[in-house]
């Protein structure tokens, strides 16, 4: 995924709706009614899905793009009384503490040091025992040339067009600081999350859940 993609994420991310449903299940295992911090909330898809599933949850949606936050406002209009939008990065988010956290299709834009700092800031804003659910591009070492073309083919089969789509996927792999699964989970542990586990894997995307320690 790239910032401000003109395509629907469901065209690019396999089992996109199921990813949201899984996030809801994982959060709900560690919270009842409460407030969820959503980092990278632009577009609003995950907040709309979570808000529809859980009327007892409230949300703080943080994203650096004002344009994407406006899309989120439109997408989540039915839940306007339960969502607060904040433009910026994690440092502008309220300290909470929140009962849960979500960061989908965002961390793959951040190099490892900035990713660790972001995860640490998320941990600082979550209650002990709260779940953090993340998902993003994540590829085992040396396997980019295998998985990126498969990602490109999935997108093409879903209507994403453009010459050199496979080459574009390879370029994306070179441009983004994509980490390995072991490196991603190690950063979560270093940031203060325990019981870190992978719950989702679809082509180049993986999802992880960790519990604030």
C-alpha atoms as a PDB file:
ATOM      1  CA  UNK A   1       0.000   0.000   0.000  1.00  0.00           C
ATOM      2  CA  UNK A   2       1.113   3.538  -0.722  1.00  0.00           C
ATOM      3  CA  UNK A   3      -0.152   6.818   0.783  1.00  0.00           C
ATOM      4  CA  UNK A   4      -3.313   8.175  -0.859  1.00  0.00           C
ATOM      5  CA  UNK A   5      -3.752   5.192  -3.176  1.00  0.00           C
ATOM      6  CA  UNK A   6      -6.592   5.799  -5.683  1.00  0.00           C
ATOM      7  CA  UNK A   7      -7.703   2.202  -5.269  1.00  0.00           C
ATOM      8  CA  UNK A   8      -9.889   0.698  -2.592  1.00  0.00           C
ATOM      9  CA  UNK A   9      -7.728  -1.188  -0.070  1.00  0.00           C
ATOM     10  CA  UNK A  10      -9.906  -4.260  -0.615  1.00  0.00           C
ATOM     11  CA  UNK A  11      -8.509  -4.415  -4.160  1.00  0.00           C
ATOM     12  CA  UNK A  12      -4.984  -4.618  -2.770  1.00  0.00           C
ATOM     13  CA  UNK A  13      -5.269  -6.430   0.552  1.00  0.00           C
ATOM     14  CA  UNK A  14      -6.564 -10.013   0.570  1.00  0.00           C
ATOM     15  CA  UNK A  15      -9.349 -10.695   3.092  1.00  0.00           C
ATOM     16  CA  UNK A  16      -9.509  -6.979   3.912  1.00  0.00           C
ATOM     17  CA  UNK A  17     -12.964  -7.124   5.514  1.00  0.00           C
ATOM     18  CA  UNK A  18     -11.968 -10.229   7.456  1.00  0.00           C
ATOM     19  CA  UNK A  19      -8.904  -8.383   8.729  1.00  0.00           C
ATOM     20  CA  UNK A  20     -11.227  -5.858  10.348  1.00  0.00           C
ATOM     21  CA  UNK A  21     -13.374  -8.616  11.818  1.00  0.00           C
ATOM     22  CA  UNK A  22     -10.296 -10.321  13.242  1.00  0.00           C
ATOM     23  CA  UNK A  23      -9.122  -7.031  14.739  1.00  0.00           C
ATOM     24  CA  UNK A  24     -12.476  -6.656  16.475  1.00  0.00           C
ATOM     25  CA  UNK A  25     -12.238 -10.173  17.918  1.00  0.00           C
ATOM     26  CA  UNK A  26      -8.684  -9.644  19.163  1.00  0.00           C
ATOM     27  CA  UNK A  27      -9.497  -6.292  20.768  1.00  0.00           C
ATOM     28  CA  UNK A  28     -12.668  -7.639  22.378  1.00  0.00           C
ATOM     29  CA  UNK A  29     -10.759 -10.439  24.079  1.00  0.00           C
ATOM     30  CA  UNK A  30      -9.064  -7.776  26.214  1.00  0.00           C
ATOM     31  CA  UNK A  31     -11.682  -5.045  26.580  1.00  0.00           C
ATOM     32  CA  UNK A  32     -15.339  -4.443  27.174  1.00  0.00           C
ATOM     33  CA  UNK A  33     -16.803  -1.010  26.602  1.00  0.00           C
ATOM     34  CA  UNK A  34     -14.124   1.590  26.079  1.00  0.00           C
ATOM     35  CA  UNK A  35     -12.048   3.729  23.764  1.00  0.00           C
ATOM     36  CA  UNK A  36      -9.805   2.514  20.934  1.00  0.00           C
ATOM     37  CA  UNK A  37      -6.848   4.457  19.544  1.00  0.00           C
ATOM     38  CA  UNK A  38      -6.627   4.065  15.754  1.00  0.00           C
ATOM     39  CA  UNK A  39      -3.317   5.188  14.251  1.00  0.00           C
ATOM     40  CA  UNK A  40      -3.392   5.662  10.480  1.00  0.00           C
ATOM     41  CA  UNK A  41      -7.146   6.154  10.557  1.00  0.00           C
ATOM     42  CA  UNK A  42      -7.426   7.990   7.231  1.00  0.00           C
ATOM     43  CA  UNK A  43     -10.120   6.548   5.016  1.00  0.00           C
ATOM     44  CA  UNK A  44     -12.070   5.296   8.013  1.00  0.00           C
ATOM     45  CA  UNK A  45     -12.613   1.720   6.883  1.00  0.00           C
ATOM     46  CA  UNK A  46     -11.464   0.007  10.053  1.00  0.00           C
ATOM     47  CA  UNK A  47     -13.267   2.483  12.302  1.00  0.00           C
ATOM     48  CA  UNK A  48     -16.501   2.047  10.366  1.00  0.00           C
ATOM     49  CA  UNK A  49     -16.247  -1.732  10.662  1.00  0.00           C
ATOM     50  CA  UNK A  50     -15.345  -1.672  14.353  1.00  0.00           C
ATOM     51  CA  UNK A  51     -17.942   0.945  15.234  1.00  0.00           C
ATOM     52  CA  UNK A  52     -20.681  -1.026  13.464  1.00  0.00           C
ATOM     53  CA  UNK A  53     -19.696  -4.209  15.282  1.00  0.00           C
ATOM     54  CA  UNK A  54     -19.298  -2.614  18.724  1.00  0.00           C
ATOM     55  CA  UNK A  55     -21.745   0.170  19.662  1.00  0.00           C
ATOM     56  CA  UNK A  56     -20.094   0.330  23.090  1.00  0.00           C
ATOM     57  CA  UNK A  57     -16.709   1.422  21.691  1.00  0.00           C
ATOM     58  CA  UNK A  58     -15.487   4.963  21.073  1.00  0.00           C
ATOM     59  CA  UNK A  59     -12.570   5.896  18.839  1.00  0.00           C
ATOM     60  CA  UNK A  60      -9.767   8.406  18.502  1.00  0.00           C
ATOM     61  CA  UNK A  61      -8.626   8.381  14.860  1.00  0.00           C
ATOM     62  CA  UNK A  62      -5.182   9.833  14.146  1.00  0.00           C
ATOM     63  CA  UNK A  63      -3.722  10.393  10.669  1.00  0.00           C
ATOM     64  CA  UNK A  64      -1.248  12.923   9.213  1.00  0.00           C
ATOM     65  CA  UNK A  65      -3.377  13.525   6.103  1.00  0.00           C
ATOM     66  CA  UNK A  66      -6.263  15.978   6.431  1.00  0.00           C
ATOM     67  CA  UNK A  67      -7.631  14.740   3.107  1.00  0.00           C
ATOM     68  CA  UNK A  68      -7.736  11.151   4.335  1.00  0.00           C
ATOM     69  CA  UNK A  69      -9.351  12.197   7.609  1.00  0.00           C
ATOM     70  CA  UNK A  70     -12.091  13.915   5.620  1.00  0.00           C
ATOM     71  CA  UNK A  71     -12.685  10.625   3.810  1.00  0.00           C
ATOM     72  CA  UNK A  72     -12.905   8.945   7.196  1.00  0.00           C
ATOM     73  CA  UNK A  73     -15.479  11.479   8.379  1.00  0.00           C
ATOM     74  CA  UNK A  74     -17.607  10.678   5.352  1.00  0.00           C
ATOM     75  CA  UNK A  75     -17.188   6.929   5.721  1.00  0.00           C
ATOM     76  CA  UNK A  76     -17.999   7.032   9.435  1.00  0.00           C
ATOM     77  CA  UNK A  77     -20.806   9.609   9.332  1.00  0.00           C
ATOM     78  CA  UNK A  78     -23.191   7.200  11.040  1.00  0.00           C
ATOM     79  CA  UNK A  79     -20.878   7.068  14.063  1.00  0.00           C
ATOM     80  CA  UNK A  80     -20.053  10.756  14.366  1.00  0.00           C
ATOM     81  CA  UNK A  81     -20.898  10.851  18.076  1.00  0.00           C
ATOM     82  CA  UNK A  82     -18.347   8.141  18.888  1.00  0.00           C
ATOM     83  CA  UNK A  83     -15.297   9.225  16.869  1.00  0.00           C
ATOM     84  CA  UNK A  84     -12.797  12.038  17.394  1.00  0.00           C
ATOM     85  CA  UNK A  85     -10.400  12.879  14.555  1.00  0.00           C
ATOM     86  CA  UNK A  86      -6.902  14.255  15.074  1.00  0.00           C
ATOM     87  CA  UNK A  87      -4.508  15.288  12.311  1.00  0.00           C
ATOM     88  CA  UNK A  88      -0.909  14.311  12.959  1.00  0.00           C
ATOM     89  CA  UNK A  89       1.298  11.434  13.986  1.00  0.00           C
ATOM     90  CA  UNK A  90       1.265   9.418  17.182  1.00  0.00           C
ATOM     91  CA  UNK A  91       2.867  12.214  19.225  1.00  0.00           C
ATOM     92  CA  UNK A  92      -0.327  14.321  18.950  1.00  0.00           C
ATOM     93  CA  UNK A  93      -2.579  11.514  20.187  1.00  0.00           C
ATOM     94  CA  UNK A  94      -4.059  11.857  23.688  1.00  0.00           C
ATOM     95  CA  UNK A  95      -2.256   9.934  26.393  1.00  0.00           C
ATOM     96  CA  UNK A  96      -5.349   7.896  27.211  1.00  0.00           C
ATOM     97  CA  UNK A  97      -4.884   5.337  28.541  1.00  0.00           C
ATOM     98  CA  UNK A  98      -6.919   3.493  25.913  1.00  0.00           C
ATOM     99  CA  UNK A  99      -8.531   0.090  26.210  1.00  0.00           C
ATOM    100  CA  UNK A 100      -7.241  -1.002  22.786  1.00  0.00           C
ATOM    101  CA  UNK A 101      -5.173   0.075  19.803  1.00  0.00           C
ATOM    102  CA  UNK A 102      -5.195  -0.528  16.048  1.00  0.00           C
ATOM    103  CA  UNK A 103      -2.646   0.360  13.359  1.00  0.00           C
ATOM    104  CA  UNK A 104      -3.447  -1.135   9.956  1.00  0.00           C
ATOM    105  CA  UNK A 105      -1.508  -0.634   6.703  1.00  0.00           C
ATOM    106  CA  UNK A 106       0.644   2.062   8.243  1.00  0.00           C
ATOM    107  CA  UNK A 107       3.807   0.775   9.921  1.00  0.00           C
ATOM    108  CA  UNK A 108       5.370  -0.404   6.649  1.00  0.00           C
ATOM    109  CA  UNK A 109       6.038   3.243   5.804  1.00  0.00           C
ATOM    110  CA  UNK A 110       8.332   3.639   8.837  1.00  0.00           C
ATOM    111  CA  UNK A 111      11.990   2.586   9.087  1.00  0.00           C
ATOM    112  CA  UNK A 112      12.778   0.341  12.040  1.00  0.00           C
ATOM    113  CA  UNK A 113      13.911   3.101  14.458  1.00  0.00           C
ATOM    114  CA  UNK A 114      10.834   5.246  13.778  1.00  0.00           C
ATOM    115  CA  UNK A 115       8.637   2.155  13.863  1.00  0.00           C
ATOM    116  CA  UNK A 116       9.974   1.243  17.306  1.00  0.00           C
ATOM    117  CA  UNK A 117       9.420   4.790  18.563  1.00  0.00           C
ATOM    118  CA  UNK A 118       5.848   4.698  17.217  1.00  0.00           C
ATOM    119  CA  UNK A 119       5.165   1.355  18.885  1.00  0.00           C
ATOM    120  CA  UNK A 120       6.597   2.690  22.156  1.00  0.00           C
ATOM    121  CA  UNK A 121       4.321   5.729  21.909  1.00  0.00           C
ATOM    122  CA  UNK A 122       1.356   3.442  21.282  1.00  0.00           C
ATOM    123  CA  UNK A 123       2.282   1.337  24.301  1.00  0.00           C
ATOM    124  CA  UNK A 124       2.511   4.453  26.462  1.00  0.00           C
ATOM    125  CA  UNK A 125      -1.096   5.289  25.528  1.00  0.00           C
ATOM    126  CA  UNK A 126      -2.596   1.857  26.226  1.00  0.00           C
ATOM    127  CA  UNK A 127      -3.736   0.391  29.499  1.00  0.00           C
ATOM    128  CA  UNK A 128      -1.747  -2.567  30.767  1.00  0.00           C
ATOM    129  CA  UNK A 129      -3.450  -5.662  29.379  1.00  0.00           C
ATOM    130  CA  UNK A 130      -4.834  -3.869  26.303  1.00  0.00           C
ATOM    131  CA  UNK A 131      -4.362  -5.401  22.860  1.00  0.00           C
ATOM    132  CA  UNK A 132      -2.596  -3.681  19.974  1.00  0.00           C
ATOM    133  CA  UNK A 133      -3.501  -5.015  16.524  1.00  0.00           C
ATOM    134  CA  UNK A 134      -1.237  -4.142  13.579  1.00  0.00           C
ATOM    135  CA  UNK A 135      -1.052  -5.282   9.949  1.00  0.00           C
ATOM    136  CA  UNK A 136       1.144  -4.190   7.059  1.00  0.00           C
ATOM    137  CA  UNK A 137       3.542  -5.388   4.363  1.00  0.00           C
ATOM    138  CA  UNK A 138       5.897  -7.908   5.973  1.00  0.00           C
ATOM    139  CA  UNK A 139       8.031 -10.326   3.956  1.00  0.00           C
ATOM    140  CA  UNK A 140      10.567 -12.975   5.035  1.00  0.00           C
ATOM    141  CA  UNK A 141      14.156 -12.172   4.142  1.00  0.00           C
ATOM    142  CA  UNK A 142      14.994 -12.907   0.525  1.00  0.00           C
ATOM    143  CA  UNK A 143      11.403 -13.636  -0.506  1.00  0.00           C
ATOM    144  CA  UNK A 144      10.388 -10.272  -1.938  1.00  0.00           C
ATOM    145  CA  UNK A 145      10.868 -11.423  -5.520  1.00  0.00           C
ATOM    146  CA  UNK A 146       8.455 -14.286  -4.820  1.00  0.00           C
ATOM    147  CA  UNK A 147       5.696 -12.508  -2.935  1.00  0.00           C
ATOM    148  CA  UNK A 148       5.591  -9.045  -4.491  1.00  0.00           C
ATOM    149  CA  UNK A 149       4.554 -10.344  -7.939  1.00  0.00           C
ATOM    150  CA  UNK A 150       1.815 -12.350  -6.252  1.00  0.00           C
ATOM    151  CA  UNK A 151       0.635  -9.175  -4.531  1.00  0.00           C
ATOM    152  CA  UNK A 152       0.651  -7.446  -7.931  1.00  0.00           C
ATOM    153  CA  UNK A 153      -1.327 -10.265  -9.552  1.00  0.00           C
ATOM    154  CA  UNK A 154      -3.940 -10.150  -6.799  1.00  0.00           C
ATOM    155  CA  UNK A 155      -4.358  -6.413  -7.324  1.00  0.00           C
ATOM    156  CA  UNK A 156      -4.593  -6.841 -11.099  1.00  0.00           C
ATOM    157  CA  UNK A 157      -7.247  -9.530 -10.709  1.00  0.00           C
ATOM    158  CA  UNK A 158      -9.253  -7.069  -8.626  1.00  0.00           C
ATOM    159  CA  UNK A 159      -9.243  -4.341 -11.225  1.00  0.00           C
ATOM    160  CA  UNK A 160      -6.089  -2.405 -10.365  1.00  0.00           C
ATOM    161  CA  UNK A 161      -4.666  -1.289 -13.686  1.00  0.00           C
ATOM    162  CA  UNK A 162      -1.450   0.224 -14.941  1.00  0.00           C
ATOM    163  CA  UNK A 163       1.460  -0.767 -17.082  1.00  0.00           C
ATOM    164  CA  UNK A 164       4.244  -2.572 -15.303  1.00  0.00           C
ATOM    165  CA  UNK A 165       2.174  -3.437 -12.251  1.00  0.00           C
ATOM    166  CA  UNK A 166       4.528  -6.267 -11.315  1.00  0.00           C
ATOM    167  CA  UNK A 167       7.548  -3.976 -11.741  1.00  0.00           C
ATOM    168  CA  UNK A 168       5.746  -1.380  -9.665  1.00  0.00           C
ATOM    169  CA  UNK A 169       5.274  -3.908  -6.891  1.00  0.00           C
ATOM    170  CA  UNK A 170       8.979  -4.688  -6.941  1.00  0.00           C
ATOM    171  CA  UNK A 171       9.729  -0.960  -6.786  1.00  0.00           C
ATOM    172  CA  UNK A 172       7.363  -0.680  -3.848  1.00  0.00           C
ATOM    173  CA  UNK A 173       9.288  -3.414  -2.098  1.00  0.00           C
ATOM    174  CA  UNK A 174      12.520  -1.505  -2.612  1.00  0.00           C
ATOM    175  CA  UNK A 175      11.032   1.828  -1.544  1.00  0.00           C
ATOM    176  CA  UNK A 176       9.316   0.718   1.633  1.00  0.00           C
ATOM    177  CA  UNK A 177      11.291  -0.321   4.725  1.00  0.00           C
ATOM    178  CA  UNK A 178       9.565  -3.716   4.818  1.00  0.00           C
ATOM    179  CA  UNK A 179      10.710  -5.878   7.716  1.00  0.00           C
ATOM    180  CA  UNK A 180      10.685  -9.621   8.261  1.00  0.00           C
ATOM    181  CA  UNK A 181       8.112 -11.240  10.568  1.00  0.00           C
ATOM    182  CA  UNK A 182      10.761 -11.897  13.213  1.00  0.00           C
ATOM    183  CA  UNK A 183      11.945  -8.277  13.087  1.00  0.00           C
ATOM    184  CA  UNK A 184       8.394  -6.936  13.307  1.00  0.00           C
ATOM    185  CA  UNK A 185       7.589  -9.068  16.342  1.00  0.00           C
ATOM    186  CA  UNK A 186      10.902  -8.182  17.976  1.00  0.00           C
ATOM    187  CA  UNK A 187      10.081  -4.478  17.713  1.00  0.00           C
ATOM    188  CA  UNK A 188       6.708  -5.049  19.342  1.00  0.00           C
ATOM    189  CA  UNK A 189       8.355  -6.885  22.222  1.00  0.00           C
ATOM    190  CA  UNK A 190      10.995  -4.157  22.567  1.00  0.00           C
ATOM    191  CA  UNK A 191       8.208  -1.564  22.727  1.00  0.00           C
ATOM    192  CA  UNK A 192       6.604  -3.266  25.724  1.00  0.00           C
ATOM    193  CA  UNK A 193       4.165  -5.776  24.259  1.00  0.00           C
ATOM    194  CA  UNK A 194       4.006  -9.393  25.349  1.00  0.00           C
ATOM    195  CA  UNK A 195       2.355 -12.496  23.933  1.00  0.00           C
ATOM    196  CA  UNK A 196       3.175 -11.152  20.465  1.00  0.00           C
ATOM    197  CA  UNK A 197       1.771 -13.453  17.794  1.00  0.00           C
ATOM    198  CA  UNK A 198       0.951 -13.451  14.102  1.00  0.00           C
ATOM    199  CA  UNK A 199      -2.761 -13.811  13.407  1.00  0.00           C
ATOM    200  CA  UNK A 200      -2.968 -13.002   9.673  1.00  0.00           C
ATOM    201  CA  UNK A 201      -0.924 -13.722   6.557  1.00  0.00           C
ATOM    202  CA  UNK A 202      -2.076 -12.921   3.034  1.00  0.00           C
ATOM    203  CA  UNK A 203       0.558 -12.612   0.302  1.00  0.00           C
ATOM    204  CA  UNK A 204       2.816  -9.703   1.361  1.00  0.00           C
ATOM    205  CA  UNK A 205       0.667  -8.685   4.322  1.00  0.00           C
ATOM    206  CA  UNK A 206       0.900  -9.987   7.876  1.00  0.00           C
ATOM    207  CA  UNK A 207      -0.927  -9.033  11.029  1.00  0.00           C
ATOM    208  CA  UNK A 208       0.317  -9.207  14.594  1.00  0.00           C
ATOM    209  CA  UNK A 209      -1.254  -8.792  17.991  1.00  0.00           C
ATOM    210  CA  UNK A 210       0.518  -7.914  21.220  1.00  0.00           C
ATOM    211  CA  UNK A 211      -0.644  -7.254  24.767  1.00  0.00           C
ATOM    212  CA  UNK A 212       0.564  -4.168  26.628  1.00  0.00           C
ATOM    213  CA  UNK A 213       2.764  -5.291  29.525  1.00  0.00           C
END
